[in-house]
PDB file of N, CA and C in Angstrom:
ATOM      1  N   MET A   1     151.160  17.824 -74.512  1.00  0.00           N
ATOM      2  CA  MET A   1     151.091  18.758 -72.934  1.00  0.00           C
ATOM      3  C   MET A   1     152.704  18.216 -72.342  1.00  0.00           C
ATOM      4  N   ASN A   2     153.092  19.570 -71.600  1.00  0.00           N
ATOM      5  CA  ASN A   2     154.265  18.387 -71.204  1.00  0.00           C
ATOM      6  C   ASN A   2     154.004  18.840 -69.414  1.00  0.00           C
ATOM      7  N   LYS A   3     153.949  17.616 -68.911  1.00  0.00           N
ATOM      8  CA  LYS A   3     153.814  17.246 -67.538  1.00  0.00           C
ATOM      9  C   LYS A   3     154.585  17.536 -66.580  1.00  0.00           C
ATOM     10  N   HIS A   4     155.961  17.992 -67.057  1.00  0.00           N
ATOM     11  CA  HIS A   4     157.460  17.957 -66.337  1.00  0.00           C
ATOM     12  C   HIS A   4     157.416  19.468 -66.312  1.00  0.00           C
ATOM     13  N   ILE A   5     156.672  20.848 -66.101  1.00  0.00           N
ATOM     14  CA  ILE A   5     156.351  22.161 -65.934  1.00  0.00           C
ATOM     15  C   ILE A   5     156.266  22.270 -64.340  1.00  0.00           C
ATOM     16  N   LYS A   6     157.369  23.161 -63.964  1.00  0.00           N
ATOM     17  CA  LYS A   6     157.510  23.503 -62.975  1.00  0.00           C
ATOM     18  C   LYS A   6     156.989  24.444 -61.566  1.00  0.00           C
ATOM     19  N   ASP A   7     155.761  24.245 -60.922  1.00  0.00           N
ATOM     20  CA  ASP A   7     154.930  25.340 -61.050  1.00  0.00           C
ATOM     21  C   ASP A   7     155.455  25.557 -59.223  1.00  0.00           C
ATOM     22  N   ARG A   8     155.707  27.128 -59.071  1.00  0.00           N
ATOM     23  CA  ARG A   8     156.161  27.198 -57.692  1.00  0.00           C
ATOM     24  C   ARG A   8     155.078  27.550 -57.357  1.00  0.00           C
ATOM     25  N   GLY A   9     154.075  27.786 -57.442  1.00  0.00           N
ATOM     26  CA  GLY A   9     152.484  27.937 -56.313  1.00  0.00           C
ATOM     27  C   GLY A   9     152.865  29.609 -55.791  1.00  0.00           C
ATOM     28  N   THR A  10     153.085  29.966 -54.760  1.00  0.00           N
ATOM     29  CA  THR A  10     152.403  31.475 -54.635  1.00  0.00           C
ATOM     30  C   THR A  10     154.199  32.474 -54.630  1.00  0.00           C
ATOM     31  N   LYS A  11     155.200  31.550 -54.854  1.00  0.00           N
ATOM     32  CA  LYS A  11     156.091  32.171 -55.080  1.00  0.00           C
ATOM     33  C   LYS A  11     156.149  33.277 -56.228  1.00  0.00           C
ATOM     34  N   LYS A  12     156.308  32.755 -57.394  1.00  0.00           N
ATOM     35  CA  LYS A  12     156.052  32.961 -58.656  1.00  0.00           C
ATOM     36  C   LYS A  12     155.405  34.930 -58.984  1.00  0.00           C
ATOM     37  N   TRP A  13     154.156  34.541 -57.430  1.00  0.00           N
ATOM     38  CA  TRP A  13     153.798  35.885 -57.545  1.00  0.00           C
ATOM     39  C   TRP A  13     154.135  37.020 -56.556  1.00  0.00           C
ATOM     40  N   THR A  14     155.322  36.180 -55.739  1.00  0.00           N
ATOM     41  CA  THR A  14     155.180  37.809 -54.358  1.00  0.00           C
ATOM     42  C   THR A  14     156.067  38.520 -54.812  1.00  0.00           C
ATOM     43  N   SER A  15     157.082  38.601 -55.948  1.00  0.00           N
ATOM     44  CA  SER A  15     157.663  39.427 -56.174  1.00  0.00           C
ATOM     45  C   SER A  15     156.741  40.677 -56.682  1.00  0.00           C
ATOM     46  N   LEU A  16     155.787  40.301 -57.474  1.00  0.00           N
ATOM     47  CA  LEU A  16     154.814  41.053 -57.639  1.00  0.00           C
ATOM     48  C   LEU A  16     153.814  41.939 -56.933  1.00  0.00           C
ATOM     49  N   MET A  17     154.244  41.420 -55.854  1.00  0.00           N
ATOM     50  CA  MET A  17     153.502  41.829 -54.405  1.00  0.00           C
ATOM     51  C   MET A  17     154.128  43.104 -53.579  1.00  0.00           C
ATOM     52  N   LEU A  18     152.792  43.808 -52.615  1.00  0.00           N
ATOM     53  CA  LEU A  18     153.522  44.898 -52.047  1.00  0.00           C
ATOM     54  C   LEU A  18     153.841  44.055 -50.226  1.00  0.00           C
ATOM     55  N   PRO A  19     154.667  44.522 -49.651  1.00  0.00           N
ATOM     56  CA  PRO A  19     155.161  43.579 -48.502  1.00  0.00           C
ATOM     57  C   PRO A  19     153.999  43.650 -47.904  1.00  0.00           C
ATOM     58  N   GLU A  20     152.704  44.593 -47.832  1.00  0.00           N
ATOM     59  CA  GLU A  20     151.305  44.484 -47.312  1.00  0.00           C
ATOM     60  C   GLU A  20     150.638  43.403 -47.545  1.00  0.00           C
ATOM     61  N   HIS A  21     150.678  43.094 -48.962  1.00  0.00           N
ATOM     62  CA  HIS A  21     149.991  42.543 -49.582  1.00  0.00           C
ATOM     63  C   HIS A  21     150.123  40.471 -49.116  1.00  0.00           C
ATOM     64  N   VAL A  22     152.133  40.802 -48.521  1.00  0.00           N
ATOM     65  CA  VAL A  22     152.788  39.183 -48.618  1.00  0.00           C
ATOM     66  C   VAL A  22     152.262  39.026 -47.176  1.00  0.00           C
ATOM     67  N   GLU A  23     152.293  39.528 -46.339  1.00  0.00           N
ATOM     68  CA  GLU A  23     152.132  39.781 -45.347  1.00  0.00           C
ATOM     69  C   GLU A  23     150.463  39.133 -44.539  1.00  0.00           C
ATOM     70  N   GLN A  24     149.708  39.639 -45.398  1.00  0.00           N
ATOM     71  CA  GLN A  24     148.443  39.443 -45.185  1.00  0.00           C
ATOM     72  C   GLN A  24     148.081  38.008 -45.979  1.00  0.00           C
ATOM     73  N   LEU A  25     148.771  37.984 -46.763  1.00  0.00           N
ATOM     74  CA  LEU A  25     148.449  36.810 -47.700  1.00  0.00           C
ATOM     75  C   LEU A  25     148.863  35.191 -46.058  1.00  0.00           C
ATOM     76  N   LYS A  26     150.402  35.636 -45.646  1.00  0.00           N
ATOM     77  CA  LYS A  26     150.494  34.681 -44.309  1.00  0.00           C
ATOM     78  C   LYS A  26     149.751  35.112 -43.108  1.00  0.00           C
ATOM     79  N   GLN A  27     148.654  35.772 -43.462  1.00  0.00           N
ATOM     80  CA  GLN A  27     147.876  36.006 -42.007  1.00  0.00           C
ATOM     81  C   GLN A  27     146.648  34.946 -42.684  1.00  0.00           C
ATOM     82  N   VAL A  28     146.433  34.508 -43.774  1.00  0.00           N
ATOM     83  CA  VAL A  28     145.211  34.314 -44.391  1.00  0.00           C
ATOM     84  C   VAL A  28     145.364  32.629 -44.203  1.00  0.00           C
ATOM     85  N   PHE A  29     146.841  32.253 -44.441  1.00  0.00           N
ATOM     86  CA  PHE A  29     147.438  30.922 -44.716  1.00  0.00           C
ATOM     87  C   PHE A  29     147.391  30.523 -43.240  1.00  0.00           C
ATOM     88  N   ALA A  30     147.897  31.158 -42.110  1.00  0.00           N
ATOM     89  CA  ALA A  30     147.916  30.936 -40.693  1.00  0.00           C
ATOM     90  C   ALA A  30     146.449  30.820 -40.017  1.00  0.00           C
ATOM     91  N   GLU A  31     145.484  31.599 -40.830  1.00  0.00           N
ATOM     92  CA  GLU A  31     144.293  31.586 -39.851  1.00  0.00           C
ATOM     93  C   GLU A  31     143.765  29.772 -41.053  1.00  0.00           C
ATOM     94  N   GLU A  32     143.877  29.350 -41.979  1.00  0.00           N
ATOM     95  CA  GLU A  32     143.201  28.240 -42.669  1.00  0.00           C
ATOM     96  C   GLU A  32     143.630  27.155 -41.474  1.00  0.00           C
ATOM     97  N   LYS A  33     145.095  27.599 -40.688  1.00  0.00           N
ATOM     98  CA  LYS A  33     145.678  25.889 -40.279  1.00  0.00           C
ATOM     99  C   LYS A  33     144.414  26.103 -39.114  1.00  0.00           C
ATOM    100  N   ARG A  34     143.852  27.266 -38.266  1.00  0.00           N
ATOM    101  CA  ARG A  34     143.444  27.071 -36.805  1.00  0.00           C
ATOM    102  C   ARG A  34     142.838  25.969 -36.421  1.00  0.00           C
ATOM    103  N   GLU A  35     143.244  25.405 -35.472  1.00  0.00           N
ATOM    104  CA  GLU A  35     142.229  24.278 -34.881  1.00  0.00           C
ATOM    105  C   GLU A  35     141.257  24.701 -34.283  1.00  0.00           C
ATOM    106  N   ALA A  36     139.473  24.470 -34.718  1.00  0.00           N
ATOM    107  CA  ALA A  36     138.486  24.818 -33.532  1.00  0.00           C
ATOM    108  C   ALA A  36     138.572  23.819 -32.547  1.00  0.00           C
ATOM    109  N   LYS A  37     137.895  24.843 -31.345  1.00  0.00           N
ATOM    110  CA  LYS A  37     138.036  24.393 -29.659  1.00  0.00           C
ATOM    111  C   LYS A  37     136.744  22.895 -29.803  1.00  0.00           C
ATOM    112  N   PRO A  38     137.721  21.894 -29.421  1.00  0.00           N
ATOM    113  CA  PRO A  38     136.680  20.784 -29.331  1.00  0.00           C
ATOM    114  C   PRO A  38     135.573  21.458 -28.214  1.00  0.00           C
ATOM    115  N   ILE A  39     134.514  20.498 -28.354  1.00  0.00           N
ATOM    116  CA  ILE A  39     133.450  21.003 -27.057  1.00  0.00           C
ATOM    117  C   ILE A  39     133.126  19.122 -26.410  1.00  0.00           C
ATOM    118  N   LEU A  40     133.656  19.763 -25.083  1.00  0.00           N
ATOM    119  CA  LEU A  40     133.478  18.459 -24.260  1.00  0.00           C
ATOM    120  C   LEU A  40     132.289  18.337 -23.897  1.00  0.00           C
ATOM    121  N   ASP A  41     131.799  16.832 -23.260  1.00  0.00           N
ATOM    122  CA  ASP A  41     130.424  17.054 -22.594  1.00  0.00           C
ATOM    123  C   ASP A  41     130.673  16.704 -22.120  1.00  0.00           C
ATOM    124  N   GLU A  42     129.857  17.012 -21.168  1.00  0.00           N
ATOM    125  CA  GLU A  42     130.113  16.576 -19.081  1.00  0.00           C
ATOM    126  C   GLU A  42     130.291  15.471 -18.511  1.00  0.00           C
ATOM    127  N   GLN A  43     130.061  14.546 -19.014  1.00  0.00           N
ATOM    128  CA  GLN A  43     130.819  13.572 -18.290  1.00  0.00           C
ATOM    129  C   GLN A  43     131.692  13.465 -19.105  1.00  0.00           C
ATOM    130  N   TYR A  44     132.852  13.697 -19.532  1.00  0.00           N
ATOM    131  CA  TYR A  44     133.791  13.665 -20.167  1.00  0.00           C
ATOM    132  C   TYR A  44     134.447  15.042 -19.086  1.00  0.00           C
ATOM    133  N   LYS A  45     133.748  15.890 -19.368  1.00  0.00           N
ATOM    134  CA  LYS A  45     134.198  16.570 -17.932  1.00  0.00           C
ATOM    135  C   LYS A  45     134.914  15.693 -16.692  1.00  0.00           C
ATOM    136  N   MET A  46     133.671  15.482 -16.223  1.00  0.00           N
ATOM    137  CA  MET A  46     133.866  14.697 -14.927  1.00  0.00           C
ATOM    138  C   MET A  46     134.452  13.879 -14.770  1.00  0.00           C
ATOM    139  N   ASP A  47     135.037  13.201 -15.968  1.00  0.00           N
ATOM    140  CA  ASP A  47     136.259  12.320 -16.048  1.00  0.00           C
ATOM    141  C   ASP A  47     137.536  12.500 -15.469  1.00  0.00           C
ATOM    142  N   ILE A  48     137.882  14.110 -16.774  1.00  0.00           N
ATOM    143  CA  ILE A  48     138.959  14.536 -16.500  1.00  0.00           C
ATOM    144  C   ILE A  48     139.411  14.884 -15.224  1.00  0.00           C
ATOM    145  N   ASN A  49     137.802  15.857 -14.352  1.00  0.00           N
ATOM    146  CA  ASN A  49     138.173  16.396 -13.222  1.00  0.00           C
ATOM    147  C   ASN A  49     138.283  14.944 -11.987  1.00  0.00           C
ATOM    148  N   ARG A  50     137.881  13.953 -12.122  1.00  0.00           N
ATOM    149  CA  ARG A  50     138.568  12.828 -11.558  1.00  0.00           C
ATOM    150  C   ARG A  50     139.939  11.886 -11.566  1.00  0.00           C
ATOM    151  N   LYS A  51     140.721  12.795 -12.612  1.00  0.00           N
ATOM    152  CA  LYS A  51     141.816  11.782 -13.142  1.00  0.00           C
ATOM    153  C   LYS A  51     142.706  13.157 -12.192  1.00  0.00           C
ATOM    154  N   LEU A  52     142.459  14.778 -12.591  1.00  0.00           N
ATOM    155  CA  LEU A  52     143.142  15.255 -11.853  1.00  0.00           C
ATOM    156  C   LEU A  52     142.834  15.012 -10.536  1.00  0.00           C
ATOM    157  N   GLN A  53     142.153  15.144  -9.668  1.00  0.00           N
ATOM    158  CA  GLN A  53     141.612  15.080  -8.362  1.00  0.00           C
ATOM    159  C   GLN A  53     143.021  13.597  -7.742  1.00  0.00           C
ATOM    160  N   ASP A  54     142.859  12.559  -8.599  1.00  0.00           N
ATOM    161  CA  ASP A  54     143.478  11.177  -8.383  1.00  0.00           C
ATOM    162  C   ASP A  54     145.186  11.147  -8.281  1.00  0.00           C
ATOM    163  N   ALA A  55     145.476  12.418  -9.393  1.00  0.00           N
ATOM    164  CA  ALA A  55     146.820  12.511  -9.771  1.00  0.00           C
ATOM    165  C   ALA A  55     147.161  13.606  -8.672  1.00  0.00           C
ATOM    166  N   PHE A  56     146.083  14.733  -8.223  1.00  0.00           N
ATOM    167  CA  PHE A  56     147.007  15.560  -7.888  1.00  0.00           C
ATOM    168  C   PHE A  56     147.065  14.416  -5.818  1.00  0.00           C
ATOM    169  N   VAL A  57     145.895  14.195  -5.221  1.00  0.00           N
ATOM    170  CA  VAL A  57     146.531  13.382  -4.651  1.00  0.00           C
ATOM    171  C   VAL A  57     146.985  12.255  -4.180  1.00  0.00           C
ATOM    172  N   LEU A  58     147.824  11.248  -5.334  1.00  0.00           N
ATOM    173  CA  LEU A  58     148.729  10.449  -5.903  1.00  0.00           C
ATOM    174  C   LEU A  58     149.937  10.746  -5.648  1.00  0.00           C
ATOM    175  N   HIS A  59     150.252  12.380  -6.230  1.00  0.00           N
ATOM    176  CA  HIS A  59     151.668  12.718  -6.569  1.00  0.00           C
ATOM    177  C   HIS A  59     151.609  12.183  -7.937  1.00  0.00           C
ATOM    178  N   ASP A  60     150.647  11.915  -8.813  1.00  0.00           N
ATOM    179  CA  ASP A  60     151.118  11.262 -10.144  1.00  0.00           C
ATOM    180  C   ASP A  60     151.768  12.264 -11.670  1.00  0.00           C
ATOM    181  N   GLU A  61     152.624  11.748 -12.044  1.00  0.00           N
ATOM    182  CA  GLU A  61     152.691  12.647 -13.543  1.00  0.00           C
ATOM    183  C   GLU A  61     151.652  12.646 -14.542  1.00  0.00           C
ATOM    184  N   VAL A  62     150.897  13.515 -14.965  1.00  0.00           N
ATOM    185  CA  VAL A  62     150.227  13.199 -15.906  1.00  0.00           C
ATOM    186  C   VAL A  62     150.777  14.068 -16.949  1.00  0.00           C
ATOM    187  N   GLU A  63     149.901  13.461 -18.057  1.00  0.00           N
ATOM    188  CA  GLU A  63     150.190  13.889 -19.515  1.00  0.00           C
ATOM    189  C   GLU A  63     148.908  14.822 -19.837  1.00  0.00           C
ATOM    190  N   ILE A  64     148.382  16.214 -19.818  1.00  0.00           N
ATOM    191  CA  ILE A  64     147.251  17.095 -20.255  1.00  0.00           C
ATOM    192  C   ILE A  64     148.173  17.179 -21.741  1.00  0.00           C
ATOM    193  N   THR A  65     146.515  16.977 -22.415  1.00  0.00           N
ATOM    194  CA  THR A  65     146.167  17.948 -24.127  1.00  0.00           C
ATOM    195  C   THR A  65     145.367  18.644 -23.280  1.00  0.00           C
ATOM    196  N   TYR A  66     146.147  20.071 -23.980  1.00  0.00           N
ATOM    197  CA  TYR A  66     144.686  21.294 -23.441  1.00  0.00           C
ATOM    198  C   TYR A  66     144.867  21.948 -24.994  1.00  0.00           C
ATOM    199  N   TYR A  67     144.554  22.869 -25.350  1.00  0.00           N
ATOM    200  CA  TYR A  67     143.734  23.773 -26.075  1.00  0.00           C
ATOM    201  C   TYR A  67     144.756  25.358 -26.167  1.00  0.00           C
ATOM    202  N   ALA A  68     145.531  25.915 -26.672  1.00  0.00           N
ATOM    203  CA  ALA A  68     146.239  27.301 -26.865  1.00  0.00           C
ATOM    204  C   ALA A  68     146.450  27.429 -28.217  1.00  0.00           C
ATOM    205  N   HIS A  69     145.854  28.811 -28.370  1.00  0.00           N
ATOM    206  CA  HIS A  69     146.590  29.434 -29.692  1.00  0.00           C
ATOM    207  C   HIS A  69     146.438  29.065 -30.682  1.00  0.00           C
ATOM    208  N   PHE A  70     144.714  28.644 -30.584  1.00  0.00           N
ATOM    209  CA  PHE A  70     144.519  27.649 -31.438  1.00  0.00           C
ATOM    210  C   PHE A  70     144.886  26.526 -32.506  1.00  0.00           C
ATOM    211  N   LYS A  71     145.635  25.931 -31.598  1.00  0.00           N
ATOM    212  CA  LYS A  71     145.679  24.292 -31.444  1.00  0.00           C
ATOM    213  C   LYS A  71     145.767  23.374 -30.450  1.00  0.00           C
ATOM    214  N   ARG A  72     146.363  21.961 -30.898  1.00  0.00           N
ATOM    215  CA  ARG A  72     146.127  20.936 -29.435  1.00  0.00           C
ATOM    216  C   ARG A  72     147.476  21.175 -28.790  1.00  0.00           C
ATOM    217  N   LYS A  73     147.810  21.377 -27.648  1.00  0.00           N
ATOM    218  CA  LYS A  73     149.327  20.749 -27.260  1.00  0.00           C
ATOM    219  C   LYS A  73     149.432  19.708 -26.614  1.00  0.00           C
ATOM    220  N   LYS A  74     150.278  19.166 -25.842  1.00  0.00           N
ATOM    221  CA  LYS A  74     150.846  18.584 -24.543  1.00  0.00           C
ATOM    222  C   LYS A  74     151.824  19.031 -24.509  1.00  0.00           C
ATOM    223  N   THR A  75     151.471  18.150 -22.663  1.00  0.00           N
ATOM    224  CA  THR A  75     152.743  19.040 -21.613  1.00  0.00           C
ATOM    225  C   THR A  75     152.905  17.478 -20.635  1.00  0.00           C
ATOM    226  N   VAL A  76     153.346  17.745 -19.832  1.00  0.00           N
ATOM    227  CA  VAL A  76     154.139  16.314 -19.157  1.00  0.00           C
ATOM    228  C   VAL A  76     154.346  16.906 -17.564  1.00  0.00           C
ATOM    229  N   GLY A  77     154.274  16.730 -16.483  1.00  0.00           N
ATOM    230  CA  GLY A  77     154.904  17.032 -15.416  1.00  0.00           C
ATOM    231  C   GLY A  77     153.499  16.370 -14.647  1.00  0.00           C
ATOM    232  N   LYS A  78     154.101  17.263 -12.854  1.00  0.00           N
ATOM    233  CA  LYS A  78     152.123  17.069 -12.303  1.00  0.00           C
ATOM    234  C   LYS A  78     152.611  18.104 -11.238  1.00  0.00           C
ATOM    235  N   LEU A  79     150.733  17.918 -11.088  1.00  0.00           N
ATOM    236  CA  LEU A  79     149.881  18.843 -10.811  1.00  0.00           C
ATOM    237  C   LEU A  79     150.777  19.776  -9.230  1.00  0.00           C
ATOM    238  N   LEU A  80     151.484  20.858  -9.709  1.00  0.00           N
ATOM    239  CA  LEU A  80     152.023  21.539  -8.317  1.00  0.00           C
ATOM    240  C   LEU A  80     150.337  22.435  -8.019  1.00  0.00           C
ATOM    241  N   SER A  81     149.972  22.445  -8.710  1.00  0.00           N
ATOM    242  CA  SER A  81     148.789  22.980  -7.341  1.00  0.00           C
ATOM    243  C   SER A  81     147.146  23.136  -8.453  1.00  0.00           C
ATOM    244  N   VAL A  82     146.175  23.163  -7.963  1.00  0.00           N
ATOM    245  CA  VAL A  82     144.928  23.649  -8.484  1.00  0.00           C
ATOM    246  C   VAL A  82     144.543  24.862  -7.975  1.00  0.00           C
ATOM    247  N   GLY A  83     144.059  25.693  -8.590  1.00  0.00           N
ATOM    248  CA  GLY A  83     143.955  26.789  -8.366  1.00  0.00           C
ATOM    249  C   GLY A  83     142.147  27.427  -8.614  1.00  0.00           C
ATOM    250  N   GLN A  84     141.653  28.741  -8.433  1.00  0.00           N
ATOM    251  CA  GLN A  84     140.760  29.258  -9.075  1.00  0.00           C
ATOM    252  C   GLN A  84     140.296  28.626 -10.445  1.00  0.00           C
ATOM    253  N   GLY A  85     139.354  28.074 -11.222  1.00  0.00           N
ATOM    254  CA  GLY A  85     139.561  27.823 -12.869  1.00  0.00           C
ATOM    255  C   GLY A  85     140.655  27.679 -13.336  1.00  0.00           C
ATOM    256  N   TYR A  86     141.952  27.175 -12.691  1.00  0.00           N
ATOM    257  CA  TYR A  86     143.266  26.114 -13.511  1.00  0.00           C
ATOM    258  C   TYR A  86     143.868  25.952 -12.720  1.00  0.00           C
ATOM    259  N   ILE A  87     144.918  25.020 -13.495  1.00  0.00           N
ATOM    260  CA  ILE A  87     145.711  23.774 -12.505  1.00  0.00           C
ATOM    261  C   ILE A  87     147.431  25.084 -12.930  1.00  0.00           C
ATOM    262  N   ARG A  88     148.531  24.324 -12.141  1.00  0.00           N
ATOM    263  CA  ARG A  88     149.724  24.450 -12.669  1.00  0.00           C
ATOM    264  C   ARG A  88     150.815  23.276 -12.654  1.00  0.00           C
ATOM    265  N   LEU A  89     151.457  23.375 -13.632  1.00  0.00           N
ATOM    266  CA  LEU A  89     152.145  21.826 -13.298  1.00  0.00           C
ATOM    267  C   LEU A  89     153.297  22.210 -12.875  1.00  0.00           C
ATOM    268  N   ASN A  90     153.815  21.155 -12.752  1.00  0.00           N
ATOM    269  CA  ASN A  90     155.399  21.544 -12.356  1.00  0.00           C
ATOM    270  C   ASN A  90     156.714  20.593 -13.032  1.00  0.00           C
ATOM    271  N   ASN A  91     156.597  21.282 -14.255  1.00  0.00           N
ATOM    272  CA  ASN A  91     157.474  21.065 -14.841  1.00  0.00           C
ATOM    273  C   ASN A  91     158.685  22.384 -15.271  1.00  0.00           C
ATOM    274  N   ASP A  92     158.667  22.207 -16.824  1.00  0.00           N
ATOM    275  CA  ASP A  92     159.853  23.299 -17.400  1.00  0.00           C
ATOM    276  C   ASP A  92     160.095  24.185 -16.923  1.00  0.00           C
ATOM    277  N   GLU A  93     157.893  24.346 -17.960  1.00  0.00           N
ATOM    278  CA  GLU A  93     158.071  25.847 -18.230  1.00  0.00           C
ATOM    279  C   GLU A  93     156.959  26.178 -17.293  1.00  0.00           C
ATOM    280  N   ARG A  94     156.581  25.504 -15.978  1.00  0.00           N
ATOM    281  CA  ARG A  94     155.732  25.473 -14.798  1.00  0.00           C
ATOM    282  C   ARG A  94     154.136  26.361 -15.163  1.00  0.00           C
ATOM    283  N   THR A  95     153.991  24.693 -16.348  1.00  0.00           N
ATOM    284  CA  THR A  95     153.097  26.141 -17.028  1.00  0.00           C
ATOM    285  C   THR A  95     151.422  25.517 -16.324  1.00  0.00           C
ATOM    286  N   LYS A  96     150.678  26.963 -16.702  1.00  0.00           N
ATOM    287  CA  LYS A  96     149.483  27.103 -16.190  1.00  0.00           C
ATOM    288  C   LYS A  96     148.747  26.851 -17.422  1.00  0.00           C
ATOM    289  N   ILE A  97     147.320  26.162 -16.720  1.00  0.00           N
ATOM    290  CA  ILE A  97     145.900  25.773 -17.854  1.00  0.00           C
ATOM    291  C   ILE A  97     144.595  25.715 -17.430  1.00  0.00           C
ATOM    292  N   THR A  98     144.076  26.224 -17.763  1.00  0.00           N
ATOM    293  CA  THR A  98     142.653  26.582 -17.041  1.00  0.00           C
ATOM    294  C   THR A  98     141.985  25.464 -17.579  1.00  0.00           C
ATOM    295  N   PHE A  99     140.969  25.390 -16.682  1.00  0.00           N
ATOM    296  CA  PHE A  99     140.187  23.992 -16.985  1.00  0.00           C
ATOM    297  C   PHE A  99     139.410  23.994 -18.216  1.00  0.00           C
ATOM    298  N   ASP A 100     138.872  24.953 -18.746  1.00  0.00           N
ATOM    299  CA  ASP A 100     138.116  25.125 -19.976  1.00  0.00           C
ATOM    300  C   ASP A 100     138.819  24.947 -21.040  1.00  0.00           C
ATOM    301  N   ASN A 101     140.257  24.893 -21.035  1.00  0.00           N
ATOM    302  CA  ASN A 101     140.818  24.602 -21.846  1.00  0.00           C
ATOM    303  C   ASN A 101     141.492  22.983 -22.097  1.00  0.00           C
ATOM    304  N   ILE A 102     141.645  22.034 -21.147  1.00  0.00           N
ATOM    305  CA  ILE A 102     141.834  20.978 -21.521  1.00  0.00           C
ATOM    306  C   ILE A 102     141.280  19.577 -21.506  1.00  0.00           C
ATOM    307  N   LEU A 103     141.299  19.256 -22.681  1.00  0.00           N
ATOM    308  CA  LEU A 103     141.074  18.829 -23.861  1.00  0.00           C
ATOM    309  C   LEU A 103     141.164  16.562 -23.160  1.00  0.00           C
ATOM    310  N   ASP A 104     142.222  16.768 -22.258  1.00  0.00           N
ATOM    311  CA  ASP A 104     142.516  15.185 -21.733  1.00  0.00           C
ATOM    312  C   ASP A 104     143.508  15.366 -21.005  1.00  0.00           C
ATOM    313  N   VAL A 105     143.156  13.659 -20.550  1.00  0.00           N
ATOM    314  CA  VAL A 105     144.003  14.087 -18.755  1.00  0.00           C
ATOM    315  C   VAL A 105     144.898  12.272 -19.273  1.00  0.00           C
ATOM    316  N   GLU A 106     145.769  11.994 -19.026  1.00  0.00           N
ATOM    317  CA  GLU A 106     146.538  10.989 -18.917  1.00  0.00           C
ATOM    318  C   GLU A 106     147.058  10.436 -17.929  1.00  0.00           C
ATOM    319  N   ILE A 107     146.825   9.853 -17.286  1.00  0.00           N
ATOM    320  CA  ILE A 107     147.892   9.591 -15.686  1.00  0.00           C
ATOM    321  C   ILE A 107     149.014   8.851 -16.237  1.00  0.00           C
ATOM    322  N   CYS A 108     150.412   9.157 -15.678  1.00  0.00           N
ATOM    323  CA  CYS A 108     151.293   8.331 -16.537  1.00  0.00           C
ATOM    324  C   CYS A 108     151.859   7.096 -15.671  1.00  0.00           C
ATOM    325  N   LEU A 109     152.152   5.933 -15.533  1.00  0.00           N
ATOM    326  CA  LEU A 109     152.312   5.460 -14.637  1.00  0.00           C
ATOM    327  C   LEU A 109     154.003   4.930 -14.647  1.00  0.00           C
TER     328      LEU A 109
END
């Protein structure tokens, strides 16, 4: 057997497929990369809440890990405001994150 065969994977079949089928395949592959939103216990949520309160009062910078668009994201900034169910960070993007999507908070020293 020849072990040096180059397999181009799905590339070799795309020329035989309609553009609609190629788009559907891309969507299927994108859905496979989706990450499920973790479920946090109440104790951990209380810890996150305490860290957010401390950072807001002391004007400390925080690194927040949150869930958006089916994946984890991280951002760094100072808490600008705490609203009804969300926080807003004073960073380049003026990020607005709902409490339900916050996965972790670390106070930057």
